[in-house]
Amino acid sequence: MHRAALAQIRGDVPATVEHAQRARELALEDDHVVRAGAAGFLGIAFWTGGDLEAAHRAWSECVARLEQAGTFPTHLGHPSVG
């Protein structure tokens, strides 16, 4: 996950995707926080790269995983907020 973050900071979209996908592959299925983080990085990377459909899918996974973990922050735009 840290490598995905560093790649994103550098603006390296392909490396962000690569590292986020690897983090998701290594995470346990029920580790919703790690999987949410990886999906969030993927969503931002896909959006940056112009693949809005993939970005939406990844961001939706991020939101769902955060909800499953019980840690959904309201500033991410939950439909029931505001």
PDB file of N, CA and C in Angstrom:
ATOM      1  N   MET A   1       0.815  -1.174   0.000  1.00  0.00           N
ATOM      2  CA  MET A   1       0.000   0.000   0.000  1.00  0.00           C
ATOM      3  C   MET A   1       0.868   1.250   0.000  1.00  0.00           C
ATOM      4  N   HIS A   2       1.953   1.220   0.779  1.00  0.00           N
ATOM      5  CA  HIS A   2       2.837   2.386   0.828  1.00  0.00           C
ATOM      6  C   HIS A   2       3.450   2.671  -0.537  1.00  0.00           C
ATOM      7  N   ARG A   3       3.771   1.628  -1.272  1.00  0.00           N
ATOM      8  CA  ARG A   3       4.341   1.828  -2.605  1.00  0.00           C
ATOM      9  C   ARG A   3       3.328   2.467  -3.548  1.00  0.00           C
ATOM     10  N   ALA A   4       2.071   2.092  -3.411  1.00  0.00           N
ATOM     11  CA  ALA A   4       1.023   2.721  -4.221  1.00  0.00           C
ATOM     12  C   ALA A   4       0.919   4.199  -3.879  1.00  0.00           C
ATOM     13  N   ALA A   5       0.986   4.517  -2.595  1.00  0.00           N
ATOM     14  CA  ALA A   5       0.910   5.914  -2.172  1.00  0.00           C
ATOM     15  C   ALA A   5       2.090   6.714  -2.710  1.00  0.00           C
ATOM     16  N   LEU A   6       3.280   6.159  -2.613  1.00  0.00           N
ATOM     17  CA  LEU A   6       4.454   6.866  -3.121  1.00  0.00           C
ATOM     18  C   LEU A   6       4.383   7.060  -4.631  1.00  0.00           C
ATOM     19  N   ALA A   7       3.910   6.038  -5.331  1.00  0.00           N
ATOM     20  CA  ALA A   7       3.765   6.161  -6.787  1.00  0.00           C
ATOM     21  C   ALA A   7       2.748   7.239  -7.131  1.00  0.00           C
ATOM     22  N   GLN A   8       1.667   7.299  -6.367  1.00  0.00           N
ATOM     23  CA  GLN A   8       0.649   8.325  -6.627  1.00  0.00           C
ATOM     24  C   GLN A   8       1.227   9.712  -6.387  1.00  0.00           C
ATOM     25  N   ILE A   9       1.980   9.870  -5.320  1.00  0.00           N
ATOM     26  CA  ILE A   9       2.600  11.165  -5.025  1.00  0.00           C
ATOM     27  C   ILE A   9       3.520  11.597  -6.169  1.00  0.00           C
ATOM     28  N   ARG A  10       4.232  10.635  -6.749  1.00  0.00           N
ATOM     29  CA  ARG A  10       5.134  10.927  -7.866  1.00  0.00           C
ATOM     30  C   ARG A  10       4.388  11.146  -9.178  1.00  0.00           C
ATOM     31  N   GLY A  11       3.092  10.838  -9.197  1.00  0.00           N
ATOM     32  CA  GLY A  11       2.318  10.976 -10.426  1.00  0.00           C
ATOM     33  C   GLY A  11       2.518   9.813 -11.385  1.00  0.00           C
ATOM     34  N   ASP A  12       2.980   8.695 -10.870  1.00  0.00           N
ATOM     35  CA  ASP A  12       3.242   7.508 -11.681  1.00  0.00           C
ATOM     36  C   ASP A  12       2.009   6.605 -11.647  1.00  0.00           C
ATOM     37  N   VAL A  13       1.080   6.859 -12.569  1.00  0.00           N
ATOM     38  CA  VAL A  13      -0.196   6.133 -12.582  1.00  0.00           C
ATOM     39  C   VAL A  13       0.002   4.633 -12.778  1.00  0.00           C
ATOM     40  N   PRO A  14       0.817   4.184 -13.753  1.00  0.00           N
ATOM     41  CA  PRO A  14       0.984   2.734 -13.913  1.00  0.00           C
ATOM     42  C   PRO A  14       1.542   2.046 -12.662  1.00  0.00           C
ATOM     43  N   ALA A  15       2.491   2.682 -11.992  1.00  0.00           N
ATOM     44  CA  ALA A  15       3.038   2.079 -10.771  1.00  0.00           C
ATOM     45  C   ALA A  15       2.008   2.099  -9.645  1.00  0.00           C
ATOM     46  N   THR A  16       1.188   3.145  -9.579  1.00  0.00           N
ATOM     47  CA  THR A  16       0.132   3.191  -8.575  1.00  0.00           C
ATOM     48  C   THR A  16      -0.812   2.010  -8.763  1.00  0.00           C
ATOM     49  N   VAL A  17      -1.213   1.780  -9.993  1.00  0.00           N
ATOM     50  CA  VAL A  17      -2.108   0.658 -10.297  1.00  0.00           C
ATOM     51  C   VAL A  17      -1.432  -0.660  -9.942  1.00  0.00           C
ATOM     52  N   GLU A  18      -0.200  -0.822 -10.354  1.00  0.00           N
ATOM     53  CA  GLU A  18       0.529  -2.076 -10.097  1.00  0.00           C
ATOM     54  C   GLU A  18       0.618  -2.369  -8.598  1.00  0.00           C
ATOM     55  N   HIS A  19       1.020  -1.381  -7.824  1.00  0.00           N
ATOM     56  CA  HIS A  19       1.197  -1.608  -6.391  1.00  0.00           C
ATOM     57  C   HIS A  19      -0.136  -1.767  -5.660  1.00  0.00           C
ATOM     58  N   ALA A  20      -1.144  -1.031  -6.067  1.00  0.00           N
ATOM     59  CA  ALA A  20      -2.461  -1.174  -5.434  1.00  0.00           C
ATOM     60  C   ALA A  20      -3.059  -2.545  -5.738  1.00  0.00           C
ATOM     61  N   GLN A  21      -2.902  -2.999  -6.970  1.00  0.00           N
ATOM     62  CA  GLN A  21      -3.407  -4.329  -7.314  1.00  0.00           C
ATOM     63  C   GLN A  21      -2.670  -5.414  -6.525  1.00  0.00           C
ATOM     64  N   ARG A  22      -1.374  -5.233  -6.359  1.00  0.00           N
ATOM     65  CA  ARG A  22      -0.586  -6.216  -5.600  1.00  0.00           C
ATOM     66  C   ARG A  22      -1.021  -6.227  -4.137  1.00  0.00           C
ATOM     67  N   ALA A  23      -1.259  -5.049  -3.566  1.00  0.00           N
ATOM     68  CA  ALA A  23      -1.722  -4.977  -2.175  1.00  0.00           C
ATOM     69  C   ALA A  23      -3.057  -5.688  -2.023  1.00  0.00           C
ATOM     70  N   ARG A  24      -3.932  -5.495  -2.999  1.00  0.00           N
ATOM     71  CA  ARG A  24      -5.246  -6.147  -2.955  1.00  0.00           C
ATOM     72  C   ARG A  24      -5.091  -7.658  -3.068  1.00  0.00           C
ATOM     73  N   GLU A  25      -4.180  -8.126  -3.907  1.00  0.00           N
ATOM     74  CA  GLU A  25      -3.947  -9.562  -4.064  1.00  0.00           C
ATOM     75  C   GLU A  25      -3.419 -10.193  -2.773  1.00  0.00           C
ATOM     76  N   LEU A  26      -2.570  -9.463  -2.056  1.00  0.00           N
ATOM     77  CA  LEU A  26      -1.945 -10.012  -0.852  1.00  0.00           C
ATOM     78  C   LEU A  26      -2.840  -9.913   0.385  1.00  0.00           C
ATOM     79  N   ALA A  27      -3.819  -9.021   0.351  1.00  0.00           N
ATOM     80  CA  ALA A  27      -4.689  -8.818   1.515  1.00  0.00           C
ATOM     81  C   ALA A  27      -5.632 -10.002   1.688  1.00  0.00           C
ATOM     82  N   LEU A  28      -5.902 -10.309   2.930  1.00  0.00           N
ATOM     83  CA  LEU A  28      -6.895 -11.336   3.217  1.00  0.00           C
ATOM     84  C   LEU A  28      -8.259 -10.846   2.732  1.00  0.00           C
ATOM     85  N   GLU A  29      -9.109 -11.768   2.373  1.00  0.00           N
ATOM     86  CA  GLU A  29     -10.432 -11.409   1.839  1.00  0.00           C
ATOM     87  C   GLU A  29     -11.229 -10.556   2.828  1.00  0.00           C
ATOM     88  N   ASP A  30     -11.085 -10.823   4.119  1.00  0.00           N
ATOM     89  CA  ASP A  30     -11.866 -10.071   5.098  1.00  0.00           C
ATOM     90  C   ASP A  30     -11.115  -8.869   5.674  1.00  0.00           C
ATOM     91  N   ASP A  31      -9.980  -8.525   5.097  1.00  0.00           N
ATOM     92  CA  ASP A  31      -9.257  -7.324   5.524  1.00  0.00           C
ATOM     93  C   ASP A  31      -9.800  -6.137   4.733  1.00  0.00           C
ATOM     94  N   HIS A  32     -10.949  -5.677   5.156  1.00  0.00           N
ATOM     95  CA  HIS A  32     -11.679  -4.658   4.413  1.00  0.00           C
ATOM     96  C   HIS A  32     -10.950  -3.316   4.354  1.00  0.00           C
ATOM     97  N   VAL A  33     -10.193  -2.994   5.373  1.00  0.00           N
ATOM     98  CA  VAL A  33      -9.491  -1.710   5.384  1.00  0.00           C
ATOM     99  C   VAL A  33      -8.392  -1.685   4.327  1.00  0.00           C
ATOM    100  N   VAL A  34      -7.582  -2.736   4.269  1.00  0.00           N
ATOM    101  CA  VAL A  34      -6.513  -2.786   3.267  1.00  0.00           C
ATOM    102  C   VAL A  34      -7.110  -2.850   1.864  1.00  0.00           C
ATOM    103  N   ARG A  35      -8.124  -3.663   1.686  1.00  0.00           N
ATOM    104  CA  ARG A  35      -8.751  -3.771   0.368  1.00  0.00           C
ATOM    105  C   ARG A  35      -9.428  -2.459  -0.041  1.00  0.00           C
ATOM    106  N   ALA A  36      -9.986  -1.746   0.927  1.00  0.00           N
ATOM    107  CA  ALA A  36     -10.575  -0.438   0.631  1.00  0.00           C
ATOM    108  C   ALA A  36      -9.505   0.544   0.200  1.00  0.00           C
ATOM    109  N   GLY A  37      -8.396   0.556   0.907  1.00  0.00           N
ATOM    110  CA  GLY A  37      -7.305   1.448   0.554  1.00  0.00           C
ATOM    111  C   GLY A  37      -6.778   1.171  -0.840  1.00  0.00           C
ATOM    112  N   ALA A  38      -6.577  -0.098  -1.149  1.00  0.00           N
ATOM    113  CA  ALA A  38      -6.095  -0.462  -2.481  1.00  0.00           C
ATOM    114  C   ALA A  38      -7.096  -0.045  -3.554  1.00  0.00           C
ATOM    115  N   ALA A  39      -8.362  -0.300  -3.294  1.00  0.00           N
ATOM    116  CA  ALA A  39      -9.395   0.086  -4.263  1.00  0.00           C
ATOM    117  C   ALA A  39      -9.458   1.598  -4.421  1.00  0.00           C
ATOM    118  N   GLY A  40      -9.270   2.326  -3.337  1.00  0.00           N
ATOM    119  CA  GLY A  40      -9.262   3.783  -3.413  1.00  0.00           C
ATOM    120  C   GLY A  40      -8.121   4.300  -4.275  1.00  0.00           C
ATOM    121  N   PHE A  41      -6.925   3.736  -4.079  1.00  0.00           N
ATOM    122  CA  PHE A  41      -5.795   4.122  -4.922  1.00  0.00           C
ATOM    123  C   PHE A  41      -6.061   3.779  -6.382  1.00  0.00           C
ATOM    124  N   LEU A  42      -6.657   2.617  -6.618  1.00  0.00           N
ATOM    125  CA  LEU A  42      -6.991   2.250  -7.991  1.00  0.00           C
ATOM    126  C   LEU A  42      -8.002   3.224  -8.584  1.00  0.00           C
ATOM    127  N   GLY A  43      -9.009   3.581  -7.814  1.00  0.00           N
ATOM    128  CA  GLY A  43     -10.012   4.514  -8.302  1.00  0.00           C
ATOM    129  C   GLY A  43      -9.406   5.844  -8.708  1.00  0.00           C
ATOM    130  N   ILE A  44      -8.529   6.368  -7.875  1.00  0.00           N
ATOM    131  CA  ILE A  44      -7.882   7.645  -8.193  1.00  0.00           C
ATOM    132  C   ILE A  44      -6.977   7.498  -9.411  1.00  0.00           C
ATOM    133  N   ALA A  45      -6.231   6.393  -9.483  1.00  0.00           N
ATOM    134  CA  ALA A  45      -5.332   6.178 -10.623  1.00  0.00           C
ATOM    135  C   ALA A  45      -6.119   6.035 -11.922  1.00  0.00           C
ATOM    136  N   PHE A  46      -7.198   5.264 -11.895  1.00  0.00           N
ATOM    137  CA  PHE A  46      -8.005   5.093 -13.111  1.00  0.00           C
ATOM    138  C   PHE A  46      -8.632   6.420 -13.533  1.00  0.00           C
ATOM    139  N   TRP A  47      -9.108   7.183 -12.562  1.00  0.00           N
ATOM    140  CA  TRP A  47      -9.690   8.494 -12.856  1.00  0.00           C
ATOM    141  C   TRP A  47      -8.640   9.405 -13.497  1.00  0.00           C
ATOM    142  N   THR A  48      -7.445   9.413 -12.906  1.00  0.00           N
ATOM    143  CA  THR A  48      -6.357  10.229 -13.435  1.00  0.00           C
ATOM    144  C   THR A  48      -6.011   9.816 -14.854  1.00  0.00           C
ATOM    145  N   GLY A  49      -6.069   8.514 -15.107  1.00  0.00           N
ATOM    146  CA  GLY A  49      -5.762   7.989 -16.438  1.00  0.00           C
ATOM    147  C   GLY A  49      -6.908   8.116 -17.427  1.00  0.00           C
ATOM    148  N   GLY A  50      -8.060   8.592 -16.978  1.00  0.00           N
ATOM    149  CA  GLY A  50      -9.192   8.812 -17.865  1.00  0.00           C
ATOM    150  C   GLY A  50     -10.150   7.647 -18.018  1.00  0.00           C
ATOM    151  N   ASP A  51      -9.928   6.552 -17.277  1.00  0.00           N
ATOM    152  CA  ASP A  51     -10.833   5.401 -17.354  1.00  0.00           C
ATOM    153  C   ASP A  51     -11.890   5.550 -16.264  1.00  0.00           C
ATOM    154  N   LEU A  52     -12.927   6.302 -16.588  1.00  0.00           N
ATOM    155  CA  LEU A  52     -13.919   6.647 -15.579  1.00  0.00           C
ATOM    156  C   LEU A  52     -14.772   5.461 -15.143  1.00  0.00           C
ATOM    157  N   GLU A  53     -15.017   4.516 -16.034  1.00  0.00           N
ATOM    158  CA  GLU A  53     -15.792   3.327 -15.638  1.00  0.00           C
ATOM    159  C   GLU A  53     -15.017   2.502 -14.625  1.00  0.00           C
ATOM    160  N   ALA A  54     -13.734   2.269 -14.888  1.00  0.00           N
ATOM    161  CA  ALA A  54     -12.909   1.511 -13.941  1.00  0.00           C
ATOM    162  C   ALA A  54     -12.755   2.287 -12.634  1.00  0.00           C
ATOM    163  N   ALA A  55     -12.650   3.602 -12.731  1.00  0.00           N
ATOM    164  CA  ALA A  55     -12.538   4.432 -11.537  1.00  0.00           C
ATOM    165  C   ALA A  55     -13.794   4.300 -10.677  1.00  0.00           C
ATOM    166  N   HIS A  56     -14.947   4.322 -11.308  1.00  0.00           N
ATOM    167  CA  HIS A  56     -16.209   4.193 -10.569  1.00  0.00           C
ATOM    168  C   HIS A  56     -16.305   2.834  -9.887  1.00  0.00           C
ATOM    169  N   ARG A  57     -15.943   1.778 -10.602  1.00  0.00           N
ATOM    170  CA  ARG A  57     -15.983   0.434 -10.007  1.00  0.00           C
ATOM    171  C   ARG A  57     -15.050   0.344  -8.804  1.00  0.00           C
ATOM    172  N   ALA A  58     -13.830   0.850  -8.964  1.00  0.00           N
ATOM    173  CA  ALA A  58     -12.851   0.768  -7.876  1.00  0.00           C
ATOM    174  C   ALA A  58     -13.292   1.612  -6.682  1.00  0.00           C
ATOM    175  N   TRP A  59     -13.794   2.825  -6.955  1.00  0.00           N
ATOM    176  CA  TRP A  59     -14.223   3.684  -5.848  1.00  0.00           C
ATOM    177  C   TRP A  59     -15.431   3.081  -5.144  1.00  0.00           C
ATOM    178  N   SER A  60     -16.325   2.458  -5.891  1.00  0.00           N
ATOM    179  CA  SER A  60     -17.482   1.796  -5.277  1.00  0.00           C
ATOM    180  C   SER A  60     -17.033   0.659  -4.375  1.00  0.00           C
ATOM    181  N   GLU A  61     -16.010  -0.079  -4.808  1.00  0.00           N
ATOM    182  CA  GLU A  61     -15.456  -1.142  -3.959  1.00  0.00           C
ATOM    183  C   GLU A  61     -14.857  -0.538  -2.697  1.00  0.00           C
ATOM    184  N   CYS A  62     -14.152   0.567  -2.836  1.00  0.00           N
ATOM    185  CA  CYS A  62     -13.562   1.252  -1.686  1.00  0.00           C
ATOM    186  C   CYS A  62     -14.643   1.593  -0.664  1.00  0.00           C
ATOM    187  N   VAL A  63     -15.708   2.210  -1.114  1.00  0.00           N
ATOM    188  CA  VAL A  63     -16.803   2.609  -0.232  1.00  0.00           C
ATOM    189  C   VAL A  63     -17.428   1.386   0.427  1.00  0.00           C
ATOM    190  N   ALA A  64     -17.689   0.351  -0.352  1.00  0.00           N
ATOM    191  CA  ALA A  64     -18.307  -0.860   0.196  1.00  0.00           C
ATOM    192  C   ALA A  64     -17.426  -1.500   1.261  1.00  0.00           C
ATOM    193  N   ARG A  65     -16.127  -1.566   1.004  1.00  0.00           N
ATOM    194  CA  ARG A  65     -15.201  -2.160   1.977  1.00  0.00           C
ATOM    195  C   ARG A  65     -15.126  -1.327   3.251  1.00  0.00           C
ATOM    196  N   LEU A  66     -15.117  -0.014   3.112  1.00  0.00           N
ATOM    197  CA  LEU A  66     -15.102   0.834   4.307  1.00  0.00           C
ATOM    198  C   LEU A  66     -16.368   0.635   5.122  1.00  0.00           C
ATOM    199  N   GLU A  67     -17.495   0.503   4.445  1.00  0.00           N
ATOM    200  CA  GLU A  67     -18.752   0.246   5.156  1.00  0.00           C
ATOM    201  C   GLU A  67     -18.693  -1.105   5.871  1.00  0.00           C
ATOM    202  N   GLN A  68     -18.132  -2.127   5.201  1.00  0.00           N
ATOM    203  CA  GLN A  68     -18.016  -3.446   5.826  1.00  0.00           C
ATOM    204  C   GLN A  68     -17.115  -3.407   7.047  1.00  0.00           C
ATOM    205  N   ALA A  69     -16.093  -2.561   6.994  1.00  0.00           N
ATOM    206  CA  ALA A  69     -15.175  -2.435   8.126  1.00  0.00           C
ATOM    207  C   ALA A  69     -15.748  -1.567   9.233  1.00  0.00           C
ATOM    208  N   GLY A  70     -16.845  -0.863   8.929  1.00  0.00           N
ATOM    209  CA  GLY A  70     -17.455   0.014   9.917  1.00  0.00           C
ATOM    210  C   GLY A  70     -16.681   1.307  10.113  1.00  0.00           C
ATOM    211  N   THR A  71     -15.926   1.705   9.095  1.00  0.00           N
ATOM    212  CA  THR A  71     -15.086   2.902   9.223  1.00  0.00           C
ATOM    213  C   THR A  71     -15.348   3.905   8.118  1.00  0.00           C
ATOM    214  N   PHE A  72     -16.568   3.960   7.620  1.00  0.00           N
ATOM    215  CA  PHE A  72     -16.846   4.846   6.490  1.00  0.00           C
ATOM    216  C   PHE A  72     -16.823   6.306   6.926  1.00  0.00           C
ATOM    217  N   PRO A  73     -15.876   7.095   6.411  1.00  0.00           N
ATOM    218  CA  PRO A  73     -15.846   8.518   6.760  1.00  0.00           C
ATOM    219  C   PRO A  73     -16.883   9.304   5.943  1.00  0.00           C
ATOM    220  N   THR A  74     -17.587  10.177   6.601  1.00  0.00           N
ATOM    221  CA  THR A  74     -18.672  10.908   5.935  1.00  0.00           C
ATOM    222  C   THR A  74     -18.166  11.843   4.849  1.00  0.00           C
ATOM    223  N   HIS A  75     -16.925  12.268   4.892  1.00  0.00           N
ATOM    224  CA  HIS A  75     -16.424  13.201   3.885  1.00  0.00           C
ATOM    225  C   HIS A  75     -16.204  12.545   2.514  1.00  0.00           C
ATOM    226  N   LEU A  76     -16.383  11.243   2.416  1.00  0.00           N
ATOM    227  CA  LEU A  76     -16.232  10.575   1.117  1.00  0.00           C
ATOM    228  C   LEU A  76     -17.506  10.623   0.287  1.00  0.00           C
ATOM    229  N   GLY A  77     -18.525  11.233   0.794  1.00  0.00           N
ATOM    230  CA  GLY A  77     -19.721  11.441   0.001  1.00  0.00           C
ATOM    231  C   GLY A  77     -20.706  10.297   0.044  1.00  0.00           C
ATOM    232  N   HIS A  78     -20.943   9.759   1.193  1.00  0.00           N
ATOM    233  CA  HIS A  78     -21.933   8.693   1.336  1.00  0.00           C
ATOM    234  C   HIS A  78     -23.283   9.234   0.908  1.00  0.00           C
ATOM    235  N   PRO A  79     -24.053   8.452   0.145  1.00  0.00           N
ATOM    236  CA  PRO A  79     -25.330   8.935  -0.357  1.00  0.00           C
ATOM    237  C   PRO A  79     -26.309   9.370   0.725  1.00  0.00           C
ATOM    238  N   SER A  80     -26.165   8.838   1.925  1.00  0.00           N
ATOM    239  CA  SER A  80     -27.116   9.199   2.976  1.00  0.00           C
ATOM    240  C   SER A  80     -26.683  10.456   3.739  1.00  0.00           C
ATOM    241  N   VAL A  81     -25.545  11.024   3.383  1.00  0.00           N
ATOM    242  CA  VAL A  81     -25.037  12.205   4.070  1.00  0.00           C
ATOM    243  C   VAL A  81     -25.377  13.449   3.254  1.00  0.00           C
ATOM    244  N   GLY A  82     -25.882  14.459   3.929  1.00  0.00           N
ATOM    245  CA  GLY A  82     -26.122  15.774   3.325  1.00  0.00           C
ATOM    246  C   GLY A  82     -27.128  15.772   2.276  1.00  0.00           C
TER     247      GLY A  82
END
